[in-house]
Amino acid sequence: MAEEVKNPMDLNGDGKVTFGEKAQYYAGKAGEKIKEEAKELGEKAQVKAKELGDKAAVKAKELGAKAKVEAKEFSEKAAAKAKEVYAEAKVEAKELTCKAKAKINEMKEKKEA
């Protein structure tokens, strides 16, 4: 006895392949192909996303390091400027104190005279 080979397009198993069954069969095959391609594209997208994420992480690290250096430089400049302003203020305060003492002495002398 020879076994009958079933036609994969005979979706209802009645031994006849209608136009509708052919259309459904090819639509199913197309759907499978689309699913495969979508899966491959999804995998490629994941790989690309990881690459871009890695690049972004490296860039963020570089920018963070650069910002740290720039912040340190700015901090050092600000500290130097603060010292300079403090020194100037100290000199001015001393001068004003001397002028105030002189004015007080002058007023005392006028009062005593």
PDB file of N, CA and C in Angstrom:
ATOM      1  N   MET A   1       0.818  -1.176   0.000  1.00  0.00           N
ATOM      2  CA  MET A   1       0.000   0.000   0.000  1.00  0.00           C
ATOM      3  C   MET A   1       0.868   1.248   0.000  1.00  0.00           C
ATOM      4  N   ALA A   2       0.566   2.090  -0.873  1.00  0.00           N
ATOM      5  CA  ALA A   2       1.281   3.357  -0.963  1.00  0.00           C
ATOM      6  C   ALA A   2       0.548   4.385  -0.120  1.00  0.00           C
ATOM      7  N   GLU A   3       1.315   5.118   0.642  1.00  0.00           N
ATOM      8  CA  GLU A   3       0.703   6.168   1.466  1.00  0.00           C
ATOM      9  C   GLU A   3       0.414   7.377   0.612  1.00  0.00           C
ATOM     10  N   GLU A   4      -0.698   7.953   0.907  1.00  0.00           N
ATOM     11  CA  GLU A   4      -1.072   9.169   0.196  1.00  0.00           C
ATOM     12  C   GLU A   4      -0.310  10.339   0.791  1.00  0.00           C
ATOM     13  N   VAL A   5       0.212  11.161  -0.054  1.00  0.00           N
ATOM     14  CA  VAL A   5       0.918  12.356   0.398  1.00  0.00           C
ATOM     15  C   VAL A   5      -0.106  13.478   0.447  1.00  0.00           C
ATOM     16  N   LYS A   6      -0.227  14.059   1.623  1.00  0.00           N
ATOM     17  CA  LYS A   6      -1.209  15.139   1.793  1.00  0.00           C
ATOM     18  C   LYS A   6      -0.614  16.454   1.291  1.00  0.00           C
ATOM     19  N   ASN A   7      -1.371  17.168   0.528  1.00  0.00           N
ATOM     20  CA  ASN A   7      -0.973  18.485   0.027  1.00  0.00           C
ATOM     21  C   ASN A   7      -1.103  19.485   1.176  1.00  0.00           C
ATOM     22  N   PRO A   8      -0.023  20.182   1.526  1.00  0.00           N
ATOM     23  CA  PRO A   8      -0.093  21.128   2.649  1.00  0.00           C
ATOM     24  C   PRO A   8      -1.099  22.264   2.412  1.00  0.00           C
ATOM     25  N   MET A   9      -1.476  22.485   1.151  1.00  0.00           N
ATOM     26  CA  MET A   9      -2.453  23.540   0.873  1.00  0.00           C
ATOM     27  C   MET A   9      -3.885  23.067   1.101  1.00  0.00           C
ATOM     28  N   ASP A  10      -4.086  21.775   1.301  1.00  0.00           N
ATOM     29  CA  ASP A  10      -5.432  21.223   1.570  1.00  0.00           C
ATOM     30  C   ASP A  10      -5.703  21.418   3.056  1.00  0.00           C
ATOM     31  N   LEU A  11      -6.134  22.601   3.402  1.00  0.00           N
ATOM     32  CA  LEU A  11      -6.274  22.988   4.806  1.00  0.00           C
ATOM     33  C   LEU A  11      -7.414  22.272   5.522  1.00  0.00           C
ATOM     34  N   ASN A  12      -8.475  21.897   4.803  1.00  0.00           N
ATOM     35  CA  ASN A  12      -9.595  21.220   5.469  1.00  0.00           C
ATOM     36  C   ASN A  12      -9.523  19.704   5.320  1.00  0.00           C
ATOM     37  N   GLY A  13      -8.490  19.204   4.616  1.00  0.00           N
ATOM     38  CA  GLY A  13      -8.260  17.768   4.498  1.00  0.00           C
ATOM     39  C   GLY A  13      -9.274  17.006   3.662  1.00  0.00           C
ATOM     40  N   ASP A  14      -9.960  17.696   2.744  1.00  0.00           N
ATOM     41  CA  ASP A  14     -10.967  17.005   1.931  1.00  0.00           C
ATOM     42  C   ASP A  14     -10.400  16.440   0.633  1.00  0.00           C
ATOM     43  N   GLY A  15      -9.095  16.557   0.428  1.00  0.00           N
ATOM     44  CA  GLY A  15      -8.470  16.036  -0.773  1.00  0.00           C
ATOM     45  C   GLY A  15      -8.503  17.004  -1.940  1.00  0.00           C
ATOM     46  N   LYS A  16      -9.153  18.108  -1.791  1.00  0.00           N
ATOM     47  CA  LYS A  16      -9.227  19.103  -2.861  1.00  0.00           C
ATOM     48  C   LYS A  16      -8.606  20.403  -2.354  1.00  0.00           C
ATOM     49  N   VAL A  17      -7.891  21.084  -3.229  1.00  0.00           N
ATOM     50  CA  VAL A  17      -7.287  22.372  -2.884  1.00  0.00           C
ATOM     51  C   VAL A  17      -8.038  23.446  -3.651  1.00  0.00           C
ATOM     52  N   THR A  18      -8.764  24.257  -2.899  1.00  0.00           N
ATOM     53  CA  THR A  18      -9.528  25.325  -3.535  1.00  0.00           C
ATOM     54  C   THR A  18      -8.677  26.587  -3.603  1.00  0.00           C
ATOM     55  N   PHE A  19      -9.163  27.561  -4.380  1.00  0.00           N
ATOM     56  CA  PHE A  19      -8.482  28.844  -4.491  1.00  0.00           C
ATOM     57  C   PHE A  19      -8.384  29.509  -3.117  1.00  0.00           C
ATOM     58  N   GLY A  20      -9.439  29.405  -2.330  1.00  0.00           N
ATOM     59  CA  GLY A  20      -9.456  29.990  -0.987  1.00  0.00           C
ATOM     60  C   GLY A  20      -8.411  29.359  -0.087  1.00  0.00           C
ATOM     61  N   GLU A  21      -8.265  28.003  -0.197  1.00  0.00           N
ATOM     62  CA  GLU A  21      -7.258  27.328   0.609  1.00  0.00           C
ATOM     63  C   GLU A  21      -5.857  27.758   0.192  1.00  0.00           C
ATOM     64  N   LYS A  22      -5.657  27.885  -1.139  1.00  0.00           N
ATOM     65  CA  LYS A  22      -4.352  28.352  -1.624  1.00  0.00           C
ATOM     66  C   LYS A  22      -4.050  29.745  -1.072  1.00  0.00           C
ATOM     67  N   ALA A  23      -5.048  30.623  -1.119  1.00  0.00           N
ATOM     68  CA  ALA A  23      -4.866  31.989  -0.624  1.00  0.00           C
ATOM     69  C   ALA A  23      -4.534  31.970   0.865  1.00  0.00           C
ATOM     70  N   GLN A  24      -5.265  31.154   1.636  1.00  0.00           N
ATOM     71  CA  GLN A  24      -5.003  31.062   3.078  1.00  0.00           C
ATOM     72  C   GLN A  24      -3.615  30.497   3.346  1.00  0.00           C
ATOM     73  N   TYR A  25      -3.234  29.473   2.593  1.00  0.00           N
ATOM     74  CA  TYR A  25      -1.932  28.831   2.757  1.00  0.00           C
ATOM     75  C   TYR A  25      -0.815  29.849   2.516  1.00  0.00           C
ATOM     76  N   TYR A  26      -0.891  30.566   1.383  1.00  0.00           N
ATOM     77  CA  TYR A  26       0.155  31.534   1.061  1.00  0.00           C
ATOM     78  C   TYR A  26       0.137  32.732   2.022  1.00  0.00           C
ATOM     79  N   ALA A  27      -1.053  33.083   2.476  1.00  0.00           N
ATOM     80  CA  ALA A  27      -1.140  34.169   3.468  1.00  0.00           C
ATOM     81  C   ALA A  27      -0.463  33.735   4.761  1.00  0.00           C
ATOM     82  N   GLY A  28      -0.672  32.468   5.137  1.00  0.00           N
ATOM     83  CA  GLY A  28      -0.020  31.932   6.338  1.00  0.00           C
ATOM     84  C   GLY A  28       1.484  31.906   6.188  1.00  0.00           C
ATOM     85  N   LYS A  29       1.953  31.469   4.993  1.00  0.00           N
ATOM     86  CA  LYS A  29       3.397  31.440   4.731  1.00  0.00           C
ATOM     87  C   LYS A  29       3.974  32.851   4.774  1.00  0.00           C
ATOM     88  N   ALA A  30       3.248  33.805   4.186  1.00  0.00           N
ATOM     89  CA  ALA A  30       3.704  35.195   4.196  1.00  0.00           C
ATOM     90  C   ALA A  30       3.766  35.712   5.637  1.00  0.00           C
ATOM     91  N   GLY A  31       2.755  35.364   6.420  1.00  0.00           N
ATOM     92  CA  GLY A  31       2.737  35.769   7.825  1.00  0.00           C
ATOM     93  C   GLY A  31       3.925  35.211   8.589  1.00  0.00           C
ATOM     94  N   GLU A  32       4.254  33.918   8.324  1.00  0.00           N
ATOM     95  CA  GLU A  32       5.417  33.301   8.969  1.00  0.00           C
ATOM     96  C   GLU A  32       6.703  34.022   8.575  1.00  0.00           C
ATOM     97  N   LYS A  33       6.806  34.353   7.288  1.00  0.00           N
ATOM     98  CA  LYS A  33       7.996  35.047   6.786  1.00  0.00           C
ATOM     99  C   LYS A  33       8.113  36.430   7.437  1.00  0.00           C
ATOM    100  N   ILE A  34       6.998  37.114   7.519  1.00  0.00           N
ATOM    101  CA  ILE A  34       6.992  38.443   8.148  1.00  0.00           C
ATOM    102  C   ILE A  34       7.387  38.326   9.614  1.00  0.00           C
ATOM    103  N   LYS A  35       6.872  37.295  10.284  1.00  0.00           N
ATOM    104  CA  LYS A  35       7.197  37.080  11.687  1.00  0.00           C
ATOM    105  C   LYS A  35       8.698  36.841  11.858  1.00  0.00           C
ATOM    106  N   GLU A  36       9.276  36.004  10.975  1.00  0.00           N
ATOM    107  CA  GLU A  36      10.716  35.730  11.012  1.00  0.00           C
ATOM    108  C   GLU A  36      11.524  37.005  10.815  1.00  0.00           C
ATOM    109  N   GLU A  37      11.145  37.761   9.786  1.00  0.00           N
ATOM    110  CA  GLU A  37      11.875  38.999   9.493  1.00  0.00           C
ATOM    111  C   GLU A  37      11.733  40.004  10.630  1.00  0.00           C
ATOM    112  N   ALA A  38      10.536  40.064  11.206  1.00  0.00           N
ATOM    113  CA  ALA A  38      10.327  40.982  12.332  1.00  0.00           C
ATOM    114  C   ALA A  38      11.195  40.572  13.515  1.00  0.00           C
ATOM    115  N   LYS A  39      11.301  39.257  13.747  1.00  0.00           N
ATOM    116  CA  LYS A  39      12.138  38.766  14.839  1.00  0.00           C
ATOM    117  C   LYS A  39      13.600  39.134  14.584  1.00  0.00           C
ATOM    118  N   GLU A  40      14.070  38.921  13.347  1.00  0.00           N
ATOM    119  CA  GLU A  40      15.446  39.268  12.992  1.00  0.00           C
ATOM    120  C   GLU A  40      15.686  40.766  13.148  1.00  0.00           C
ATOM    121  N   LEU A  41      14.738  41.565  12.683  1.00  0.00           N
ATOM    122  CA  LEU A  41      14.886  43.020  12.819  1.00  0.00           C
ATOM    123  C   LEU A  41      14.889  43.433  14.282  1.00  0.00           C
ATOM    124  N   GLY A  42      14.041  42.783  15.067  1.00  0.00           N
ATOM    125  CA  GLY A  42      14.005  43.073  16.499  1.00  0.00           C
ATOM    126  C   GLY A  42      15.334  42.761  17.165  1.00  0.00           C
ATOM    127  N   GLU A  43      15.931  41.606  16.783  1.00  0.00           N
ATOM    128  CA  GLU A  43      17.229  41.237  17.345  1.00  0.00           C
ATOM    129  C   GLU A  43      18.307  42.233  16.920  1.00  0.00           C
ATOM    130  N   LYS A  44      18.271  42.625  15.645  1.00  0.00           N
ATOM    131  CA  LYS A  44      19.244  43.611  15.163  1.00  0.00           C
ATOM    132  C   LYS A  44      19.065  44.943  15.894  1.00  0.00           C
ATOM    133  N   ALA A  45      17.798  45.306  16.113  1.00  0.00           N
ATOM    134  CA  ALA A  45      17.517  46.564  16.814  1.00  0.00           C
ATOM    135  C   ALA A  45      18.032  46.514  18.248  1.00  0.00           C
ATOM    136  N   GLN A  46      17.896  45.352  18.884  1.00  0.00           N
ATOM    137  CA  GLN A  46      18.403  45.207  20.256  1.00  0.00           C
ATOM    138  C   GLN A  46      19.920  45.369  20.288  1.00  0.00           C
ATOM    139  N   VAL A  47      20.591  44.742  19.317  1.00  0.00           N
ATOM    140  CA  VAL A  47      22.056  44.854  19.254  1.00  0.00           C
ATOM    141  C   VAL A  47      22.456  46.314  19.033  1.00  0.00           C
ATOM    142  N   LYS A  48      21.778  46.968  18.095  1.00  0.00           N
ATOM    143  CA  LYS A  48      22.088  48.369  17.788  1.00  0.00           C
ATOM    144  C   LYS A  48      21.806  49.257  19.000  1.00  0.00           C
ATOM    145  N   ALA A  49      20.689  48.988  19.680  1.00  0.00           N
ATOM    146  CA  ALA A  49      20.343  49.777  20.868  1.00  0.00           C
ATOM    147  C   ALA A  49      21.405  49.611  21.951  1.00  0.00           C
ATOM    148  N   LYS A  50      21.908  48.380  22.113  1.00  0.00           N
ATOM    149  CA  LYS A  50      22.954  48.146  23.109  1.00  0.00           C
ATOM    150  C   LYS A  50      24.225  48.901  22.718  1.00  0.00           C
ATOM    151  N   GLU A  51      24.589  48.840  21.419  1.00  0.00           N
ATOM    152  CA  GLU A  51      25.775  49.571  20.955  1.00  0.00           C
ATOM    153  C   GLU A  51      25.630  51.062  21.237  1.00  0.00           C
ATOM    154  N   LEU A  52      24.453  51.605  20.889  1.00  0.00           N
ATOM    155  CA  LEU A  52      24.220  53.038  21.107  1.00  0.00           C
ATOM    156  C   LEU A  52      24.208  53.369  22.593  1.00  0.00           C
ATOM    157  N   GLY A  53      23.623  52.473  23.387  1.00  0.00           N
ATOM    158  CA  GLY A  53      23.614  52.677  24.842  1.00  0.00           C
ATOM    159  C   GLY A  53      25.022  52.685  25.404  1.00  0.00           C
ATOM    160  N   ASP A  54      25.849  51.752  24.915  1.00  0.00           N
ATOM    161  CA  ASP A  54      27.241  51.706  25.365  1.00  0.00           C
ATOM    162  C   ASP A  54      27.981  52.977  24.980  1.00  0.00           C
ATOM    163  N   LYS A  55      27.758  53.435  23.731  1.00  0.00           N
ATOM    164  CA  LYS A  55      28.403  54.674  23.279  1.00  0.00           C
ATOM    165  C   LYS A  55      27.943  55.852  24.130  1.00  0.00           C
ATOM    166  N   ALA A  56      26.649  55.883  24.432  1.00  0.00           N
ATOM    167  CA  ALA A  56      26.107  56.974  25.240  1.00  0.00           C
ATOM    168  C   ALA A  56      26.708  56.950  26.643  1.00  0.00           C
ATOM    169  N   ALA A  57      26.887  55.748  27.196  1.00  0.00           N
ATOM    170  CA  ALA A  57      27.472  55.633  28.536  1.00  0.00           C
ATOM    171  C   ALA A  57      28.912  56.138  28.538  1.00  0.00           C
ATOM    172  N   VAL A  58      29.664  55.783  27.509  1.00  0.00           N
ATOM    173  CA  VAL A  58      31.056  56.242  27.405  1.00  0.00           C
ATOM    174  C   VAL A  58      31.091  57.765  27.278  1.00  0.00           C
ATOM    175  N   LYS A  59      30.223  58.294  26.409  1.00  0.00           N
ATOM    176  CA  LYS A  59      30.177  59.746  26.199  1.00  0.00           C
ATOM    177  C   LYS A  59      29.786  60.458  27.500  1.00  0.00           C
ATOM    178  N   ALA A  60      28.805  59.899  28.207  1.00  0.00           N
ATOM    179  CA  ALA A  60      28.384  60.506  29.475  1.00  0.00           C
ATOM    180  C   ALA A  60      29.530  60.505  30.483  1.00  0.00           C
ATOM    181  N   LYS A  61      30.286  59.406  30.486  1.00  0.00           N
ATOM    182  CA  LYS A  61      31.429  59.316  31.399  1.00  0.00           C
ATOM    183  C   LYS A  61      32.470  60.368  31.037  1.00  0.00           C
ATOM    184  N   GLU A  62      32.742  60.517  29.734  1.00  0.00           N
ATOM    185  CA  GLU A  62      33.703  61.524  29.274  1.00  0.00           C
ATOM    186  C   GLU A  62      33.240  62.928  29.657  1.00  0.00           C
ATOM    187  N   LEU A  63      31.949  63.200  29.420  1.00  0.00           N
ATOM    188  CA  LEU A  63      31.415  64.526  29.747  1.00  0.00           C
ATOM    189  C   LEU A  63      31.449  64.769  31.249  1.00  0.00           C
ATOM    190  N   GLY A  64      31.176  63.726  32.020  1.00  0.00           N
ATOM    191  CA  GLY A  64      31.238  63.851  33.476  1.00  0.00           C
ATOM    192  C   GLY A  64      32.647  64.186  33.941  1.00  0.00           C
ATOM    193  N   ALA A  65      33.623  63.515  33.356  1.00  0.00           N
ATOM    194  CA  ALA A  65      35.024  63.777  33.717  1.00  0.00           C
ATOM    195  C   ALA A  65      35.407  65.201  33.332  1.00  0.00           C
ATOM    196  N   LYS A  66      34.983  65.608  32.136  1.00  0.00           N
ATOM    197  CA  LYS A  66      35.295  66.969  31.674  1.00  0.00           C
ATOM    198  C   LYS A  66      34.641  68.006  32.591  1.00  0.00           C
ATOM    199  N   ALA A  67      33.390  67.749  32.955  1.00  0.00           N
ATOM    200  CA  ALA A  67      32.683  68.679  33.845  1.00  0.00           C
ATOM    201  C   ALA A  67      33.369  68.749  35.205  1.00  0.00           C
ATOM    202  N   LYS A  68      33.870  67.606  35.665  1.00  0.00           N
ATOM    203  CA  LYS A  68      34.560  67.572  36.960  1.00  0.00           C
ATOM    204  C   LYS A  68      35.820  68.432  36.907  1.00  0.00           C
ATOM    205  N   VAL A  69      36.565  68.294  35.812  1.00  0.00           N
ATOM    206  CA  VAL A  69      37.799  69.095  35.645  1.00  0.00           C
ATOM    207  C   VAL A  69      37.448  70.577  35.573  1.00  0.00           C
ATOM    208  N   GLU A  70      36.432  70.900  34.761  1.00  0.00           N
ATOM    209  CA  GLU A  70      36.043  72.305  34.617  1.00  0.00           C
ATOM    210  C   GLU A  70      35.525  72.870  35.934  1.00  0.00           C
ATOM    211  N   ALA A  71      34.783  72.055  36.690  1.00  0.00           N
ATOM    212  CA  ALA A  71      34.272  72.509  37.983  1.00  0.00           C
ATOM    213  C   ALA A  71      35.425  72.780  38.947  1.00  0.00           C
ATOM    214  N   LYS A  72      36.443  71.902  38.904  1.00  0.00           N
ATOM    215  CA  LYS A  72      37.604  72.096  39.776  1.00  0.00           C
ATOM    216  C   LYS A  72      38.335  73.382  39.413  1.00  0.00           C
ATOM    217  N   GLU A  73      38.522  73.589  38.103  1.00  0.00           N
ATOM    218  CA  GLU A  73      39.191  74.808  37.639  1.00  0.00           C
ATOM    219  C   GLU A  73      38.402  76.048  38.066  1.00  0.00           C
ATOM    220  N   PHE A  74      37.084  76.003  37.878  1.00  0.00           N
ATOM    221  CA  PHE A  74      36.234  77.127  38.259  1.00  0.00           C
ATOM    222  C   PHE A  74      36.312  77.351  39.763  1.00  0.00           C
ATOM    223  N   SER A  75      36.278  76.268  40.512  1.00  0.00           N
ATOM    224  CA  SER A  75      36.343  76.367  41.972  1.00  0.00           C
ATOM    225  C   SER A  75      37.657  77.005  42.407  1.00  0.00           C
ATOM    226  N   GLU A  76      38.753  76.594  41.771  1.00  0.00           N
ATOM    227  CA  GLU A  76      40.065  77.164  42.099  1.00  0.00           C
ATOM    228  C   GLU A  76      40.117  78.651  41.760  1.00  0.00           C
ATOM    229  N   LYS A  77      39.548  79.013  40.595  1.00  0.00           N
ATOM    230  CA  LYS A  77      39.519  80.435  40.215  1.00  0.00           C
ATOM    231  C   LYS A  77      38.667  81.233  41.195  1.00  0.00           C
ATOM    232  N   ALA A  78      37.522  80.660  41.579  1.00  0.00           N
ATOM    233  CA  ALA A  78      36.630  81.349  42.519  1.00  0.00           C
ATOM    234  C   ALA A  78      37.316  81.523  43.867  1.00  0.00           C
ATOM    235  N   ALA A  79      38.025  80.495  44.316  1.00  0.00           N
ATOM    236  CA  ALA A  79      38.732  80.583  45.595  1.00  0.00           C
ATOM    237  C   ALA A  79      39.821  81.649  45.536  1.00  0.00           C
ATOM    238  N   ALA A  80      40.553  81.680  44.430  1.00  0.00           N
ATOM    239  CA  ALA A  80      41.611  82.693  44.273  1.00  0.00           C
ATOM    240  C   ALA A  80      41.013  84.094  44.278  1.00  0.00           C
ATOM    241  N   LYS A  81      39.903  84.252  43.572  1.00  0.00           N
ATOM    242  CA  LYS A  81      39.243  85.561  43.512  1.00  0.00           C
ATOM    243  C   LYS A  81      38.728  85.951  44.894  1.00  0.00           C
ATOM    244  N   ALA A  82      38.171  84.985  45.615  1.00  0.00           N
ATOM    245  CA  ALA A  82      37.671  85.265  46.960  1.00  0.00           C
ATOM    246  C   ALA A  82      38.806  85.719  47.877  1.00  0.00           C
ATOM    247  N   LYS A  83      39.957  85.055  47.772  1.00  0.00           N
ATOM    248  CA  LYS A  83      41.119  85.459  48.585  1.00  0.00           C
ATOM    249  C   LYS A  83      41.560  86.876  48.234  1.00  0.00           C
ATOM    250  N   GLU A  84      41.560  87.150  46.932  1.00  0.00           N
ATOM    251  CA  GLU A  84      41.960  88.479  46.457  1.00  0.00           C
ATOM    252  C   GLU A  84      41.005  89.546  46.994  1.00  0.00           C
ATOM    253  N   VAL A  85      39.712  89.294  46.874  1.00  0.00           N
ATOM    254  CA  VAL A  85      38.710  90.257  47.355  1.00  0.00           C
ATOM    255  C   VAL A  85      38.814  90.420  48.869  1.00  0.00           C
ATOM    256  N   TYR A  86      39.032  89.305  49.578  1.00  0.00           N
ATOM    257  CA  TYR A  86      39.171  89.369  51.033  1.00  0.00           C
ATOM    258  C   TYR A  86      40.385  90.215  51.417  1.00  0.00           C
ATOM    259  N   ALA A  87      41.509  90.011  50.710  1.00  0.00           N
ATOM    260  CA  ALA A  87      42.722  90.780  51.008  1.00  0.00           C
ATOM    261  C   ALA A  87      42.487  92.268  50.764  1.00  0.00           C
ATOM    262  N   GLU A  88      41.823  92.579  49.644  1.00  0.00           N
ATOM    263  CA  GLU A  88      41.519  93.978  49.342  1.00  0.00           C
ATOM    264  C   GLU A  88      40.589  94.571  50.406  1.00  0.00           C
ATOM    265  N   ALA A  89      39.584  93.802  50.813  1.00  0.00           N
ATOM    266  CA  ALA A  89      38.641  94.283  51.825  1.00  0.00           C
ATOM    267  C   ALA A  89      39.356  94.509  53.160  1.00  0.00           C
ATOM    268  N   LYS A  90      40.283  93.613  53.467  1.00  0.00           N
ATOM    269  CA  LYS A  90      41.043  93.741  54.713  1.00  0.00           C
ATOM    270  C   LYS A  90      41.864  95.035  54.709  1.00  0.00           C
ATOM    271  N   VAL A  91      42.512  95.331  53.583  1.00  0.00           N
ATOM    272  CA  VAL A  91      43.306  96.552  53.454  1.00  0.00           C
ATOM    273  C   VAL A  91      42.391  97.768  53.583  1.00  0.00           C
ATOM    274  N   GLU A  92      41.265  97.720  52.858  1.00  0.00           N
ATOM    275  CA  GLU A  92      40.322  98.852  52.913  1.00  0.00           C
ATOM    276  C   GLU A  92      39.774  99.034  54.322  1.00  0.00           C
ATOM    277  N   ALA A  93      39.468  97.925  54.998  1.00  0.00           N
ATOM    278  CA  ALA A  93      38.950  98.022  56.363  1.00  0.00           C
ATOM    279  C   ALA A  93      39.990  98.660  57.286  1.00  0.00           C
ATOM    280  N   LYS A  94      41.245  98.281  57.098  1.00  0.00           N
ATOM    281  CA  LYS A  94      42.321  98.851  57.920  1.00  0.00           C
ATOM    282  C   LYS A  94      42.440 100.351  57.656  1.00  0.00           C
ATOM    283  N   GLU A  95      42.397 100.736  56.365  1.00  0.00           N
ATOM    284  CA  GLU A  95      42.483 102.150  56.006  1.00  0.00           C
ATOM    285  C   GLU A  95      41.315 102.927  56.607  1.00  0.00           C
ATOM    286  N   LEU A  96      40.100 102.362  56.490  1.00  0.00           N
ATOM    287  CA  LEU A  96      38.918 103.038  57.050  1.00  0.00           C
ATOM    288  C   LEU A  96      39.011 103.151  58.566  1.00  0.00           C
ATOM    289  N   THR A  97      39.537 102.104  59.189  1.00  0.00           N
ATOM    290  CA  THR A  97      39.708 102.140  60.651  1.00  0.00           C
ATOM    291  C   THR A  97      40.684 103.242  61.035  1.00  0.00           C
ATOM    292  N   CYS A  98      41.774 103.360  60.301  1.00  0.00           N
ATOM    293  CA  CYS A  98      42.756 104.418  60.574  1.00  0.00           C
ATOM    294  C   CYS A  98      42.138 105.805  60.373  1.00  0.00           C
ATOM    295  N   LYS A  99      41.374 105.955  59.296  1.00  0.00           N
ATOM    296  CA  LYS A  99      40.720 107.243  59.028  1.00  0.00           C
ATOM    297  C   LYS A  99      39.709 107.562  60.121  1.00  0.00           C
ATOM    298  N   ALA A 100      38.971 106.556  60.563  1.00  0.00           N
ATOM    299  CA  ALA A 100      37.977 106.773  61.622  1.00  0.00           C
ATOM    300  C   ALA A 100      38.664 107.187  62.920  1.00  0.00           C
ATOM    301  N   LYS A 101      39.765 106.505  63.258  1.00  0.00           N
ATOM    302  CA  LYS A 101      40.506 106.862  64.475  1.00  0.00           C
ATOM    303  C   LYS A 101      41.041 108.286  64.375  1.00  0.00           C
ATOM    304  N   ALA A 102      41.551 108.629  63.202  1.00  0.00           N
ATOM    305  CA  ALA A 102      42.086 109.979  62.995  1.00  0.00           C
ATOM    306  C   ALA A 102      40.970 111.005  63.161  1.00  0.00           C
ATOM    307  N   LYS A 103      39.797 110.694  62.592  1.00  0.00           N
ATOM    308  CA  LYS A 103      38.664 111.618  62.694  1.00  0.00           C
ATOM    309  C   LYS A 103      38.222 111.755  64.149  1.00  0.00           C
ATOM    310  N   ILE A 104      38.198 110.644  64.871  1.00  0.00           N
ATOM    311  CA  ILE A 104      37.813 110.684  66.295  1.00  0.00           C
ATOM    312  C   ILE A 104      38.817 111.526  67.079  1.00  0.00           C
ATOM    313  N   ASN A 105      40.082 111.318  66.837  1.00  0.00           N
ATOM    314  CA  ASN A 105      41.126 112.093  67.529  1.00  0.00           C
ATOM    315  C   ASN A 105      41.002 113.574  67.196  1.00  0.00           C
ATOM    316  N   GLU A 106      40.722 113.837  65.918  1.00  0.00           N
ATOM    317  CA  GLU A 106      40.557 115.230  65.487  1.00  0.00           C
ATOM    318  C   GLU A 106      39.380 115.871  66.225  1.00  0.00           C
ATOM    319  N   MET A 107      38.276 115.123  66.329  1.00  0.00           N
ATOM    320  CA  MET A 107      37.093 115.659  67.016  1.00  0.00           C
ATOM    321  C   MET A 107      37.383 115.866  68.512  1.00  0.00           C
ATOM    322  N   LYS A 108      38.151 114.947  69.111  1.00  0.00           N
ATOM    323  CA  LYS A 108      38.502 115.069  70.523  1.00  0.00           C
ATOM    324  C   LYS A 108      39.361 116.332  70.746  1.00  0.00           C
ATOM    325  N   GLU A 109      40.302 116.548  69.841  1.00  0.00           N
ATOM    326  CA  GLU A 109      41.182 117.688  69.971  1.00  0.00           C
ATOM    327  C   GLU A 109      40.406 118.984  69.837  1.00  0.00           C
ATOM    328  N   LYS A 110      39.441 119.029  68.923  1.00  0.00           N
ATOM    329  CA  LYS A 110      38.622 120.227  68.757  1.00  0.00           C
ATOM    330  C   LYS A 110      37.790 120.487  70.010  1.00  0.00           C
ATOM    331  N   LYS A 111      37.300 119.403  70.600  1.00  0.00           N
ATOM    332  CA  LYS A 111      36.462 119.506  71.782  1.00  0.00           C
ATOM    333  C   LYS A 111      37.275 119.997  72.964  1.00  0.00           C
ATOM    334  N   GLU A 112      38.493 119.524  73.085  1.00  0.00           N
ATOM    335  CA  GLU A 112      39.348 119.901  74.200  1.00  0.00           C
ATOM    336  C   GLU A 112      39.899 121.318  74.038  1.00  0.00           C
ATOM    337  N   ALA A 113      39.945 121.788  72.829  1.00  0.00           N
ATOM    338  CA  ALA A 113      40.540 123.099  72.599  1.00  0.00           C
ATOM    339  C   ALA A 113      39.585 124.222  72.818  1.00  0.00           C
TER     340      ALA A 113
END
